[in-house]
């Protein structure tokens, strides 16, 4: 599934294409997509395919096409402080983007069938927290992943404001999914080759809307011996943050607001617009003709005008290249929050804690 937009040269180029095609329509979704590089979730050796609008699968690891994730993120209508459940959380790519929007007071849980994929998702999450500058530009709700079958969630589990299922849902499992949703919540899932958005309007009432024609692999039910009880999946508990953790959240928020007021553009990395070369039509004067057999063939002759056009084109290409290099230099990322924390008159251990033990 995919191929709805042109391939990009990098993550930002892909997002530009998704915006142009109206798959990404809101600013907060665009920011989340730009903050998380899709290529970081690919295995080494496969990254060249990361910016194509195509699904990717290697063993148990799977990523849906970018156009699908875009529609899902828009359909979820995410806001700060919401609770989110990702059924079939996979690599954690979508859950991490969601965490950037719902913020530190949200809930971000994922259930994945395969143990090796959960381990992969945790590695990618750890890499994002430790190494990505985007972590310091957002308030983040860290995802928690558990291993289990999405169709065997404990019946007494809590409900969520937003739910996404990343595998095809059979019609007879639709009500099972709906029960996990809070009143007023939104569920996005594929049913019968349609990605649908379901809003719970009351205890026993729902509204459905078709979003996109899709093709998903179906949810897997574990094989179990006849008469044996299924292993119920226990979702992570919803816990209250400690006073120490709350203090870190609010200190970082205050410092981020201060730095944005002092230099509002310094920490924002805008992408330099891609400069596309203009192709000039070469005008040649035809001033000689030759006979080839019985045909009269015009023969192009180089003129001073041709040489001048070549020189101008070469000069224009050089100027564009220099301008692009200058833009890249100007638009280098500046982690202003980190710089601010490092200048505070605090013990190094406290600075390290405020930085979430990040080394850069």
Protein backbone atom coordinates (compact mmCIF):
# COMPACT_ATOMS: atom_id res chain seq x y z
CA UNK A 1 0.00 0.00 0.00
CA UNK A 2 1.26 3.46 -0.82
CA UNK A 3 2.79 5.15 -3.81
CA UNK A 4 0.35 8.06 -3.59
CA UNK A 5 3.10 10.70 -3.59
CA UNK A 6 6.53 11.04 -5.15
CA UNK A 7 9.58 9.71 -3.35
CA UNK A 8 11.61 12.23 -1.37
CA UNK A 9 15.35 12.69 -1.18
CA UNK A 10 15.17 12.93 2.61
CA UNK A 11 12.59 13.10 5.40
CA UNK A 12 11.76 16.77 4.87
CA UNK A 13 11.36 16.26 1.14
CA UNK A 14 8.94 13.40 1.80
CA UNK A 15 6.90 15.60 4.17
CA UNK A 16 6.78 18.35 1.54
CA UNK A 17 5.30 15.85 -0.91
CA UNK A 18 2.74 14.63 1.63
CA UNK A 19 1.70 18.22 2.30
CA UNK A 20 1.39 19.00 -1.40
CA UNK A 21 -0.85 15.95 -1.81
CA UNK A 22 -2.99 17.04 1.20
CA UNK A 23 -2.21 13.96 3.29
CA UNK A 24 -0.70 16.23 5.95
CA UNK A 25 -3.08 19.11 6.61
CA UNK A 26 -2.35 20.50 10.08
CA UNK A 27 0.69 22.16 11.60
CA UNK A 28 1.04 19.90 14.64
CA UNK A 29 1.03 16.76 12.48
CA UNK A 30 3.58 18.30 10.13
CA UNK A 31 5.87 19.20 13.05
CA UNK A 32 5.69 15.66 14.44
CA UNK A 33 6.54 14.12 11.05
CA UNK A 34 9.50 16.48 10.56
CA UNK A 35 10.79 15.83 14.09
CA UNK A 36 11.00 12.04 13.60
CA UNK A 37 13.14 10.87 10.70
CA UNK A 38 11.42 7.85 9.13
CA UNK A 39 14.79 6.56 7.97
CA UNK A 40 15.89 6.04 11.58
CA UNK A 41 13.37 3.20 11.88
CA UNK A 42 14.79 1.20 8.97
CA UNK A 43 17.44 -1.46 9.28
CA UNK A 44 20.91 -0.64 7.99
CA UNK A 45 21.05 -1.30 4.29
CA UNK A 46 17.38 -0.48 3.68
CA UNK A 47 17.37 3.23 4.47
CA UNK A 48 17.39 4.19 0.77
CA UNK A 49 13.75 3.08 0.66
CA UNK A 50 12.69 5.09 3.71
CA UNK A 51 11.49 8.17 1.85
CA UNK A 52 9.35 6.40 -0.72
CA UNK A 53 5.62 6.35 -0.13
CA UNK A 54 5.65 2.59 0.28
CA UNK A 55 5.17 0.12 3.10
CA UNK A 56 8.27 -1.80 4.22
CA UNK A 57 8.59 -5.21 5.87
CA UNK A 58 11.59 -7.23 6.96
CA UNK A 59 10.85 -10.32 9.02
CA UNK A 60 8.45 -9.20 11.75
CA UNK A 61 9.44 -5.53 11.41
CA UNK A 62 6.92 -3.51 9.45
CA UNK A 63 6.23 0.13 8.59
CA UNK A 64 3.11 1.32 6.79
CA UNK A 65 3.33 3.75 3.88
CA UNK A 66 3.82 7.43 4.85
CA UNK A 67 0.48 8.40 3.28
CA UNK A 68 -1.27 5.92 5.63
CA UNK A 69 0.45 7.26 8.75
CA UNK A 70 -0.40 10.81 7.64
CA UNK A 71 -4.10 10.02 7.32
CA UNK A 72 -4.06 8.20 10.67
CA UNK A 73 -2.39 11.09 12.50
CA UNK A 74 -4.86 13.58 11.03
CA UNK A 75 -7.88 11.37 11.75
CA UNK A 76 -6.90 10.87 15.40
CA UNK A 77 -7.22 14.63 16.07
CA UNK A 78 -4.57 14.49 18.77
CA UNK A 79 -4.32 17.02 21.60
CA UNK A 80 -2.17 17.48 24.67
CA UNK A 81 -3.03 15.31 27.65
CA UNK A 82 -4.93 12.58 25.79
CA UNK A 83 -4.47 8.85 26.33
CA UNK A 84 -3.44 6.79 23.29
CA UNK A 85 -3.38 3.05 22.63
CA UNK A 86 -1.53 1.66 19.60
CA UNK A 87 -2.65 -1.88 18.75
CA UNK A 88 0.13 -3.46 16.71
CA UNK A 89 2.65 -0.79 17.71
CA UNK A 90 5.48 -2.26 15.61
CA UNK A 91 8.65 -0.17 15.44
CA UNK A 92 7.21 2.58 17.64
CA UNK A 93 7.50 5.16 14.85
CA UNK A 94 3.84 6.24 15.06
CA UNK A 95 3.75 6.08 18.88
CA UNK A 96 6.79 8.36 19.09
CA UNK A 97 5.17 10.95 16.82
CA UNK A 98 1.99 10.77 18.88
CA UNK A 99 4.06 11.31 22.05
CA UNK A 100 5.31 14.64 20.69
CA UNK A 101 1.74 15.92 20.39
CA UNK A 102 0.01 14.57 23.52
CA UNK A 103 2.86 15.79 25.73
CA UNK A 104 4.11 14.75 29.20
CA UNK A 105 0.66 14.53 30.79
CA UNK A 106 -0.74 12.13 28.22
CA UNK A 107 -0.74 8.33 28.22
CA UNK A 108 1.04 6.46 25.42
CA UNK A 109 0.73 2.66 25.34
CA UNK A 110 1.45 0.11 22.63
CA UNK A 111 0.71 -3.62 22.26
CA UNK A 112 2.78 -5.70 19.84
CA UNK A 113 2.56 -9.42 19.14
CA UNK A 114 6.26 -10.09 18.49
CA UNK A 115 8.86 -9.88 21.25
CA UNK A 116 11.71 -9.06 18.85
CA UNK A 117 9.74 -6.11 17.44
CA UNK A 118 9.08 -4.72 20.93
CA UNK A 119 12.81 -4.89 21.63
CA UNK A 120 13.49 -3.12 18.33
CA UNK A 121 10.95 -0.40 19.22
CA UNK A 122 12.55 0.14 22.62
CA UNK A 123 15.99 0.50 21.01
CA UNK A 124 14.66 3.09 18.56
CA UNK A 125 12.91 4.97 21.36
CA UNK A 126 16.08 5.02 23.45
CA UNK A 127 18.06 6.30 20.48
CA UNK A 128 15.52 9.09 19.91
CA UNK A 129 15.63 10.23 23.54
CA UNK A 130 19.42 10.15 23.75
CA UNK A 131 20.40 11.53 20.36
CA UNK A 132 17.65 13.53 18.68
CA UNK A 133 17.53 17.31 19.00
CA UNK A 134 13.77 17.05 18.48
CA UNK A 135 13.48 15.62 21.99
CA UNK A 136 14.49 19.00 23.43
CA UNK A 137 12.16 20.96 21.15
CA UNK A 138 9.00 19.18 22.34
CA UNK A 139 7.39 18.03 25.55
CA UNK A 140 7.25 14.27 25.16
CA UNK A 141 5.05 11.44 26.35
CA UNK A 142 7.28 8.40 26.27
CA UNK A 143 5.57 5.29 24.83
CA UNK A 144 5.40 2.10 26.86
CA UNK A 145 5.29 -1.13 24.84
CA UNK A 146 4.09 -4.55 25.98
CA UNK A 147 4.14 -7.92 24.24
CA UNK A 148 0.81 -9.54 23.59
CA UNK A 149 -2.06 -10.23 21.24
CA UNK A 150 -4.33 -7.25 20.62
CA UNK A 151 -7.38 -9.51 20.66
CA UNK A 152 -6.66 -10.81 24.15
CA UNK A 153 -6.54 -7.62 26.20
CA UNK A 154 -7.83 -8.06 29.72
CA UNK A 155 -11.56 -7.25 29.98
CA UNK A 156 -11.03 -4.95 32.98
CA UNK A 157 -8.47 -2.75 31.19
CA UNK A 158 -8.90 1.02 31.25
CA UNK A 159 -10.25 2.91 28.25
CA UNK A 160 -8.45 5.39 26.01
CA UNK A 161 -9.18 8.72 24.30
CA UNK A 162 -7.52 7.67 21.05
CA UNK A 163 -6.88 4.21 19.60
CA UNK A 164 -5.21 3.06 16.41
CA UNK A 165 -5.06 -0.51 15.16
CA UNK A 166 -2.34 -1.19 12.60
CA UNK A 167 -3.73 -4.47 11.24
CA UNK A 168 -6.90 -5.49 9.43
CA UNK A 169 -9.82 -5.96 11.83
CA UNK A 170 -12.46 -8.60 11.13
CA UNK A 171 -16.03 -7.32 11.27
CA UNK A 172 -16.81 -9.55 14.26
CA UNK A 173 -13.99 -7.90 16.25
CA UNK A 174 -15.26 -4.35 15.65
CA UNK A 175 -17.26 -4.14 18.89
CA UNK A 176 -14.29 -5.53 20.86
CA UNK A 177 -12.24 -2.55 19.66
CA UNK A 178 -15.01 -0.04 20.37
CA UNK A 179 -15.31 -1.07 24.02
CA UNK A 180 -11.70 0.05 24.63
CA UNK A 181 -12.66 3.61 23.66
CA UNK A 182 -13.82 6.33 26.04
CA UNK A 183 -16.99 8.29 25.30
CA UNK A 184 -15.93 11.16 23.04
CA UNK A 185 -12.88 9.22 21.90
CA UNK A 186 -11.72 8.35 18.38
CA UNK A 187 -10.74 4.94 17.03
CA UNK A 188 -8.96 4.59 13.67
CA UNK A 189 -8.63 1.12 12.16
CA UNK A 190 -8.85 -0.78 8.86
CA UNK A 191 -12.00 -2.84 8.31
CA UNK A 192 -12.85 -4.59 5.06
CA UNK A 193 -10.24 -2.71 3.02
CA UNK A 194 -11.30 0.69 4.35
CA UNK A 195 -9.48 2.82 6.91
CA UNK A 196 -12.28 4.17 9.08
CA UNK A 197 -12.61 6.74 11.85
CA UNK A 198 -15.04 5.81 14.63
CA UNK A 199 -16.11 8.38 17.22
CA UNK A 200 -17.84 7.15 20.39
CA UNK A 201 -20.70 9.59 20.91
CA UNK A 202 -22.31 7.82 23.90
CA UNK A 203 -22.24 4.66 25.98
CA UNK A 204 -23.86 2.68 23.17
CA UNK A 205 -23.55 5.00 20.16
CA UNK A 206 -20.83 5.53 17.58
CA UNK A 207 -20.33 7.48 14.36
CA UNK A 208 -18.21 6.08 11.53
CA UNK A 209 -16.48 7.75 8.60
CA UNK A 210 -14.52 6.18 5.77
CA UNK A 211 -11.07 7.75 5.31
CA UNK A 212 -9.15 5.82 2.72
CA UNK A 213 -9.15 2.56 0.76
CA UNK A 214 -6.36 0.38 2.20
CA UNK A 215 -4.98 -3.13 2.25
CA UNK A 216 -3.73 -4.42 5.63
CA UNK A 217 -2.64 -7.83 6.84
CA UNK A 218 -5.27 -9.16 9.30
CA UNK A 219 -4.86 -9.30 13.05
CA UNK A 220 -3.36 -12.58 14.19
CA UNK A 221 -5.01 -14.84 16.69
CA UNK A 222 -2.67 -17.11 18.60
CA UNK A 223 -3.18 -20.83 18.21
CA UNK A 224 -3.93 -22.46 21.52
CA UNK A 225 -4.82 -25.92 22.64
CA UNK A 226 -8.52 -26.75 22.77
CA UNK A 227 -10.03 -25.87 26.12
CA UNK A 228 -7.04 -23.79 27.31
CA UNK A 229 -7.52 -20.23 28.46
CA UNK A 230 -5.91 -17.41 26.46
CA UNK A 231 -3.13 -15.39 28.05
CA UNK A 232 -4.77 -12.07 28.84
CA UNK A 233 -2.71 -9.01 27.94
CA UNK A 234 -2.26 -6.66 30.87
CA UNK A 235 -1.94 -3.08 29.66
CA UNK A 236 0.52 -0.81 31.48
CA UNK A 237 -0.96 0.97 34.50
CA UNK A 238 -1.76 4.67 34.28
CA UNK A 239 0.54 6.20 36.89
CA UNK A 240 0.95 9.68 38.32
CA UNK A 241 4.31 11.35 37.69
CA UNK A 242 6.57 11.81 40.71
CA UNK A 243 7.14 15.29 42.13
CA UNK A 244 10.76 15.09 40.96
CA UNK A 245 9.69 14.26 37.40
CA UNK A 246 7.05 17.01 37.41
CA UNK A 247 9.67 19.50 38.53
CA UNK A 248 11.89 18.53 35.60
CA UNK A 249 8.99 18.93 33.15
CA UNK A 250 8.12 22.42 34.41
CA UNK A 251 11.73 23.61 34.65
CA UNK A 252 12.37 22.54 31.06
CA UNK A 253 9.12 24.17 29.94
CA UNK A 254 10.02 27.45 31.65
CA UNK A 255 13.53 27.48 30.18
CA UNK A 256 12.19 26.64 26.72
CA UNK A 257 9.69 29.51 26.92
CA UNK A 258 12.43 31.91 28.05
CA UNK A 259 14.77 30.99 25.23
CA UNK A 260 11.95 31.30 22.71
CA UNK A 261 11.22 34.81 23.97
CA UNK A 262 14.87 35.83 23.92
CA UNK A 263 15.59 34.48 20.44
CA UNK A 264 12.38 33.19 18.84
CA UNK A 265 14.04 32.03 15.62
CA UNK A 266 17.28 30.60 16.95
CA UNK A 267 16.05 27.18 17.93
CA UNK A 268 13.66 26.70 15.07
CA UNK A 269 15.21 24.87 12.16
CA UNK A 270 13.46 25.86 8.97
CA UNK A 271 14.14 23.82 5.90
CA UNK A 272 15.80 25.74 3.13
CA UNK A 273 13.54 25.74 0.08
CA UNK A 274 14.84 23.43 -2.57
CA UNK A 275 16.10 25.32 -5.56
CA UNK A 276 15.25 23.67 -8.81
CA UNK A 277 17.39 24.42 -11.81
CA UNK A 278 15.71 26.07 -14.71
CA UNK A 279 16.35 24.41 -18.01
CA UNK A 280 17.10 26.87 -20.75
CA UNK A 281 16.08 26.22 -24.29
CA UNK A 282 19.12 26.43 -26.51
CA UNK A 283 18.38 28.54 -29.57
CA UNK A 284 20.55 27.69 -32.52
CA UNK A 285 20.64 29.46 -35.82
CA UNK A 286 20.53 27.07 -38.79
CA UNK A 287 22.72 28.55 -41.48
CA UNK A 288 23.84 25.60 -43.59
CA UNK A 289 22.15 22.67 -45.33
CA UNK A 290 23.67 19.46 -46.63
CA UNK A 291 22.41 16.76 -48.97
CA UNK A 292 22.17 13.21 -47.61
CA UNK A 293 21.01 11.01 -50.43
CA UNK A 294 17.99 12.76 -51.85
CA UNK A 295 17.19 14.68 -48.67
CA UNK A 296 18.15 18.23 -47.69
CA UNK A 297 19.21 18.21 -44.02
CA UNK A 298 19.76 21.38 -41.91
CA UNK A 299 23.06 21.37 -40.03
CA UNK A 300 23.42 23.29 -36.77
CA UNK A 301 26.48 25.48 -36.48
CA UNK A 302 27.90 26.74 -33.21
CA UNK A 303 27.63 30.51 -32.91
CA UNK A 304 28.83 33.16 -30.47
CA UNK A 305 25.29 33.29 -29.12
CA UNK A 306 25.46 29.58 -28.21
CA UNK A 307 28.72 30.06 -26.35
CA UNK A 308 27.25 32.98 -24.43
CA UNK A 309 24.22 30.90 -23.39
CA UNK A 310 26.53 28.12 -22.15
CA UNK A 311 28.55 30.58 -20.09
CA UNK A 312 25.43 32.12 -18.54
CA UNK A 313 24.00 28.70 -17.66
CA UNK A 314 27.28 27.63 -16.02
CA UNK A 315 27.40 30.85 -14.01
CA UNK A 316 23.79 30.44 -12.88
CA UNK A 317 24.43 26.86 -11.75
CA UNK A 318 27.42 27.99 -9.68
CA UNK A 319 25.41 30.78 -8.02
CA UNK A 320 22.60 28.39 -7.11
CA UNK A 321 25.02 25.89 -5.58
CA UNK A 322 26.71 28.61 -3.50
CA UNK A 323 23.33 29.88 -2.31
CA UNK A 324 22.25 26.39 -1.23
CA UNK A 325 25.46 25.83 0.71
CA UNK A 326 24.99 29.18 2.44
CA UNK A 327 21.38 28.33 3.37
CA UNK A 328 22.45 25.00 4.84
CA UNK A 329 25.10 26.71 6.94
CA UNK A 330 22.64 29.33 8.23
CA UNK A 331 19.98 26.77 9.03
CA UNK A 332 22.07 24.42 11.16
CA UNK A 333 20.22 23.21 14.24
CA UNK A 334 20.87 25.02 17.51
CA UNK A 335 19.76 23.23 20.68
CA UNK A 336 18.97 26.34 22.69
CA UNK A 337 17.39 24.44 25.60
CA UNK A 338 20.53 22.41 26.17
CA UNK A 339 22.70 25.53 25.93
CA UNK A 340 20.47 27.27 28.48
CA UNK A 341 20.60 24.38 30.96
CA UNK A 342 24.39 24.12 30.69
CA UNK A 343 24.78 27.81 31.68
CA UNK A 344 22.71 27.47 34.86
CA UNK A 345 24.57 27.70 38.21
CA UNK A 346 23.59 24.16 39.21
CA UNK A 347 25.46 21.00 40.18
CA UNK A 348 26.47 18.91 37.18
CA UNK A 349 24.35 15.99 38.40
CA UNK A 350 21.23 18.18 38.37
CA UNK A 351 22.04 19.52 34.88
CA UNK A 352 22.44 15.95 33.68
CA UNK A 353 19.06 15.04 35.16
CA UNK A 354 17.38 18.03 33.49
CA UNK A 355 18.90 16.87 30.19
CA UNK A 356 17.52 13.33 30.65
CA UNK A 357 21.15 12.13 30.77
CA UNK A 358 21.60 13.04 27.11
CA UNK A 359 25.22 13.48 26.08
CA UNK A 360 24.52 15.89 23.21
